[in-house]
């Protein structure tokens, strides 16, 4: 079922909340609203900012070494996304992948797929629930 009532950032965070059992409060889900449509100015894609938010939720801890890990994971996500899809900006991604009926669902799926791949690799190294 398509989630066309939510923007790209919201769709990503709601999906990740379900997939990774994050149990985020409604306020955390709602706060992603302004990031859709490349922050409403077709800047960095909302599906990407949503994925970065998930990386922060899973890997940002008080320990500086964990923050460094989180930053490296975020950098890897951005590098890989750009390498696969050619850009990070909403305007560029819309031109390449947006569908009239599905809207930006293809981009949300691309971002979610990459996020899941990266989390699987990270979890095989050191699970986020293990300190």
C-alpha atoms as a PDB file:
ATOM      1  CA  UNK A   1       0.000   0.000   0.000  1.00  0.00           C
ATOM      2  CA  UNK A   2       1.310   3.432  -0.915  1.00  0.00           C
ATOM      3  CA  UNK A   3       1.889   6.020   1.767  1.00  0.00           C
ATOM      4  CA  UNK A   4       1.086   9.054  -0.374  1.00  0.00           C
ATOM      5  CA  UNK A   5      -0.354  11.035   2.535  1.00  0.00           C
ATOM      6  CA  UNK A   6       3.083  11.382   4.109  1.00  0.00           C
ATOM      7  CA  UNK A   7       6.017  13.156   2.573  1.00  0.00           C
ATOM      8  CA  UNK A   8       9.277  11.336   1.863  1.00  0.00           C
ATOM      9  CA  UNK A   9      10.881  12.083   5.218  1.00  0.00           C
ATOM     10  CA  UNK A  10       7.786  11.108   7.168  1.00  0.00           C
ATOM     11  CA  UNK A  11       7.321   7.915   5.156  1.00  0.00           C
ATOM     12  CA  UNK A  12      10.916   6.883   5.820  1.00  0.00           C
ATOM     13  CA  UNK A  13      10.780   7.505   9.577  1.00  0.00           C
ATOM     14  CA  UNK A  14       7.368   5.852   9.999  1.00  0.00           C
ATOM     15  CA  UNK A  15       8.574   2.821   8.041  1.00  0.00           C
ATOM     16  CA  UNK A  16      11.823   2.591  10.007  1.00  0.00           C
ATOM     17  CA  UNK A  17       9.903   2.950  13.260  1.00  0.00           C
ATOM     18  CA  UNK A  18       7.901  -0.153  12.320  1.00  0.00           C
ATOM     19  CA  UNK A  19      10.766  -2.117  10.750  1.00  0.00           C
ATOM     20  CA  UNK A  20      13.325  -1.593  13.527  1.00  0.00           C
ATOM     21  CA  UNK A  21      10.821  -1.507  16.420  1.00  0.00           C
ATOM     22  CA  UNK A  22      12.041   1.935  17.466  1.00  0.00           C
ATOM     23  CA  UNK A  23       8.899   2.754  19.454  1.00  0.00           C
ATOM     24  CA  UNK A  24       9.310   6.461  18.700  1.00  0.00           C
ATOM     25  CA  UNK A  25       6.844   8.878  20.255  1.00  0.00           C
ATOM     26  CA  UNK A  26       4.427  10.596  17.903  1.00  0.00           C
ATOM     27  CA  UNK A  27       6.290  13.884  18.365  1.00  0.00           C
ATOM     28  CA  UNK A  28       9.497  12.332  17.009  1.00  0.00           C
ATOM     29  CA  UNK A  29       7.638  11.073  13.956  1.00  0.00           C
ATOM     30  CA  UNK A  30       5.947  14.423  13.395  1.00  0.00           C
ATOM     31  CA  UNK A  31       9.155  16.389  13.658  1.00  0.00           C
ATOM     32  CA  UNK A  32      10.293  14.909  10.339  1.00  0.00           C
ATOM     33  CA  UNK A  33       7.494  16.730   8.506  1.00  0.00           C
ATOM     34  CA  UNK A  34       9.466  19.849   7.529  1.00  0.00           C
ATOM     35  CA  UNK A  35      12.226  17.778   5.911  1.00  0.00           C
ATOM     36  CA  UNK A  36      10.046  16.501   3.074  1.00  0.00           C
ATOM     37  CA  UNK A  37      10.534  17.940  -0.372  1.00  0.00           C
ATOM     38  CA  UNK A  38      14.152  18.664   0.383  1.00  0.00           C
ATOM     39  CA  UNK A  39      13.163  20.871   3.325  1.00  0.00           C
ATOM     40  CA  UNK A  40      10.469  22.332   1.068  1.00  0.00           C
ATOM     41  CA  UNK A  41      13.111  23.932  -1.161  1.00  0.00           C
ATOM     42  CA  UNK A  42      14.232  20.805  -3.049  1.00  0.00           C
ATOM     43  CA  UNK A  43      17.528  20.680  -1.167  1.00  0.00           C
ATOM     44  CA  UNK A  44      18.740  17.374   0.332  1.00  0.00           C
ATOM     45  CA  UNK A  45      16.032  14.740  -0.110  1.00  0.00           C
ATOM     46  CA  UNK A  46      13.691  14.091   2.814  1.00  0.00           C
ATOM     47  CA  UNK A  47      14.089  10.335   2.436  1.00  0.00           C
ATOM     48  CA  UNK A  48      17.797  10.862   3.015  1.00  0.00           C
ATOM     49  CA  UNK A  49      17.286  13.108   6.051  1.00  0.00           C
ATOM     50  CA  UNK A  50      14.853  10.521   7.398  1.00  0.00           C
ATOM     51  CA  UNK A  51      17.485   7.807   7.005  1.00  0.00           C
ATOM     52  CA  UNK A  52      20.062   9.990   8.743  1.00  0.00           C
ATOM     53  CA  UNK A  53      17.615  10.520  11.612  1.00  0.00           C
ATOM     54  CA  UNK A  54      17.287   6.739  11.970  1.00  0.00           C
ATOM     55  CA  UNK A  55      21.065   6.371  12.008  1.00  0.00           C
ATOM     56  CA  UNK A  56      21.178   8.963  14.784  1.00  0.00           C
ATOM     57  CA  UNK A  57      18.477   7.169  16.759  1.00  0.00           C
ATOM     58  CA  UNK A  58      20.236   3.823  16.478  1.00  0.00           C
ATOM     59  CA  UNK A  59      23.878   4.808  16.831  1.00  0.00           C
ATOM     60  CA  UNK A  60      24.218   8.169  18.580  1.00  0.00           C
ATOM     61  CA  UNK A  61      25.268   7.639  22.166  1.00  0.00           C
ATOM     62  CA  UNK A  62      26.954   9.781  24.812  1.00  0.00           C
ATOM     63  CA  UNK A  63      30.293   8.077  24.309  1.00  0.00           C
ATOM     64  CA  UNK A  64      32.455  10.013  21.789  1.00  0.00           C
ATOM     65  CA  UNK A  65      33.563   6.773  20.105  1.00  0.00           C
ATOM     66  CA  UNK A  66      29.916   5.903  19.471  1.00  0.00           C
ATOM     67  CA  UNK A  67      29.315   9.369  18.002  1.00  0.00           C
ATOM     68  CA  UNK A  68      32.296   8.819  15.725  1.00  0.00           C
ATOM     69  CA  UNK A  69      30.794   5.483  14.674  1.00  0.00           C
ATOM     70  CA  UNK A  70      27.471   7.197  13.968  1.00  0.00           C
ATOM     71  CA  UNK A  71      29.157   9.865  11.847  1.00  0.00           C
ATOM     72  CA  UNK A  72      30.999   7.233   9.818  1.00  0.00           C
ATOM     73  CA  UNK A  73      27.788   5.310   9.232  1.00  0.00           C
ATOM     74  CA  UNK A  74      26.041   8.510   8.109  1.00  0.00           C
ATOM     75  CA  UNK A  75      28.922   9.401   5.803  1.00  0.00           C
ATOM     76  CA  UNK A  76      28.867   5.904   4.315  1.00  0.00           C
ATOM     77  CA  UNK A  77      25.116   6.172   3.736  1.00  0.00           C
ATOM     78  CA  UNK A  78      25.507   9.523   1.928  1.00  0.00           C
ATOM     79  CA  UNK A  79      28.467   8.352  -0.165  1.00  0.00           C
ATOM     80  CA  UNK A  80      26.733   5.135  -1.190  1.00  0.00           C
ATOM     81  CA  UNK A  81      23.435   6.847  -1.970  1.00  0.00           C
ATOM     82  CA  UNK A  82      25.172   9.400  -4.197  1.00  0.00           C
ATOM     83  CA  UNK A  83      27.211   6.679  -5.868  1.00  0.00           C
ATOM     84  CA  UNK A  84      24.135   4.573  -6.648  1.00  0.00           C
ATOM     85  CA  UNK A  85      21.646   7.268  -7.593  1.00  0.00           C
ATOM     86  CA  UNK A  86      23.782  10.169  -8.763  1.00  0.00           C
ATOM     87  CA  UNK A  87      22.726  12.897  -6.339  1.00  0.00           C
ATOM     88  CA  UNK A  88      21.344  13.746  -2.911  1.00  0.00           C
ATOM     89  CA  UNK A  89      19.084  16.677  -3.735  1.00  0.00           C
ATOM     90  CA  UNK A  90      15.317  16.395  -4.016  1.00  0.00           C
ATOM     91  CA  UNK A  91      15.160  18.271  -7.328  1.00  0.00           C
ATOM     92  CA  UNK A  92      17.631  15.913  -9.009  1.00  0.00           C
ATOM     93  CA  UNK A  93      16.064  12.770  -7.534  1.00  0.00           C
ATOM     94  CA  UNK A  94      12.562  13.896  -8.513  1.00  0.00           C
ATOM     95  CA  UNK A  95      13.709  14.424 -12.098  1.00  0.00           C
ATOM     96  CA  UNK A  96      15.200  10.939 -12.218  1.00  0.00           C
ATOM     97  CA  UNK A  97      12.856   8.804 -10.120  1.00  0.00           C
ATOM     98  CA  UNK A  98       9.576  10.507  -9.200  1.00  0.00           C
ATOM     99  CA  UNK A  99       6.476   8.813 -10.565  1.00  0.00           C
ATOM    100  CA  UNK A 100       3.255  10.725 -11.191  1.00  0.00           C
ATOM    101  CA  UNK A 101       1.135   8.154  -9.379  1.00  0.00           C
ATOM    102  CA  UNK A 102       3.604   6.844  -6.786  1.00  0.00           C
ATOM    103  CA  UNK A 103       5.051  10.302  -6.134  1.00  0.00           C
ATOM    104  CA  UNK A 104       8.442   9.904  -4.412  1.00  0.00           C
ATOM    105  CA  UNK A 105       7.841   6.352  -3.214  1.00  0.00           C
ATOM    106  CA  UNK A 106      10.664   4.998  -5.440  1.00  0.00           C
ATOM    107  CA  UNK A 107      13.145   7.332  -3.739  1.00  0.00           C
ATOM    108  CA  UNK A 108      11.862   6.416  -0.274  1.00  0.00           C
ATOM    109  CA  UNK A 109      12.283   2.744  -1.144  1.00  0.00           C
ATOM    110  CA  UNK A 110      15.817   3.336  -2.463  1.00  0.00           C
ATOM    111  CA  UNK A 111      16.775   5.155   0.729  1.00  0.00           C
ATOM    112  CA  UNK A 112      15.134   2.549   2.970  1.00  0.00           C
ATOM    113  CA  UNK A 113      16.823  -0.314   1.118  1.00  0.00           C
ATOM    114  CA  UNK A 114      20.266   1.257   1.482  1.00  0.00           C
ATOM    115  CA  UNK A 115      19.617   2.076   5.142  1.00  0.00           C
ATOM    116  CA  UNK A 116      18.650  -1.536   5.807  1.00  0.00           C
ATOM    117  CA  UNK A 117      21.777  -2.816   4.037  1.00  0.00           C
ATOM    118  CA  UNK A 118      24.038  -0.555   6.083  1.00  0.00           C
ATOM    119  CA  UNK A 119      22.322  -1.440   9.357  1.00  0.00           C
ATOM    120  CA  UNK A 120      22.710  -5.155   8.604  1.00  0.00           C
ATOM    121  CA  UNK A 121      26.457  -4.677   8.100  1.00  0.00           C
ATOM    122  CA  UNK A 122      26.745  -2.615  11.272  1.00  0.00           C
ATOM    123  CA  UNK A 123      24.700  -5.075  13.285  1.00  0.00           C
ATOM    124  CA  UNK A 124      26.989  -7.907  12.194  1.00  0.00           C
ATOM    125  CA  UNK A 125      29.914  -5.886  13.575  1.00  0.00           C
ATOM    126  CA  UNK A 126      28.365  -4.618  16.809  1.00  0.00           C
ATOM    127  CA  UNK A 127      24.647  -4.554  17.556  1.00  0.00           C
ATOM    128  CA  UNK A 128      23.218  -1.161  18.531  1.00  0.00           C
ATOM    129  CA  UNK A 129      21.526  -2.670  21.578  1.00  0.00           C
ATOM    130  CA  UNK A 130      24.881  -3.867  22.960  1.00  0.00           C
ATOM    131  CA  UNK A 131      27.015  -1.295  24.702  1.00  0.00           C
END
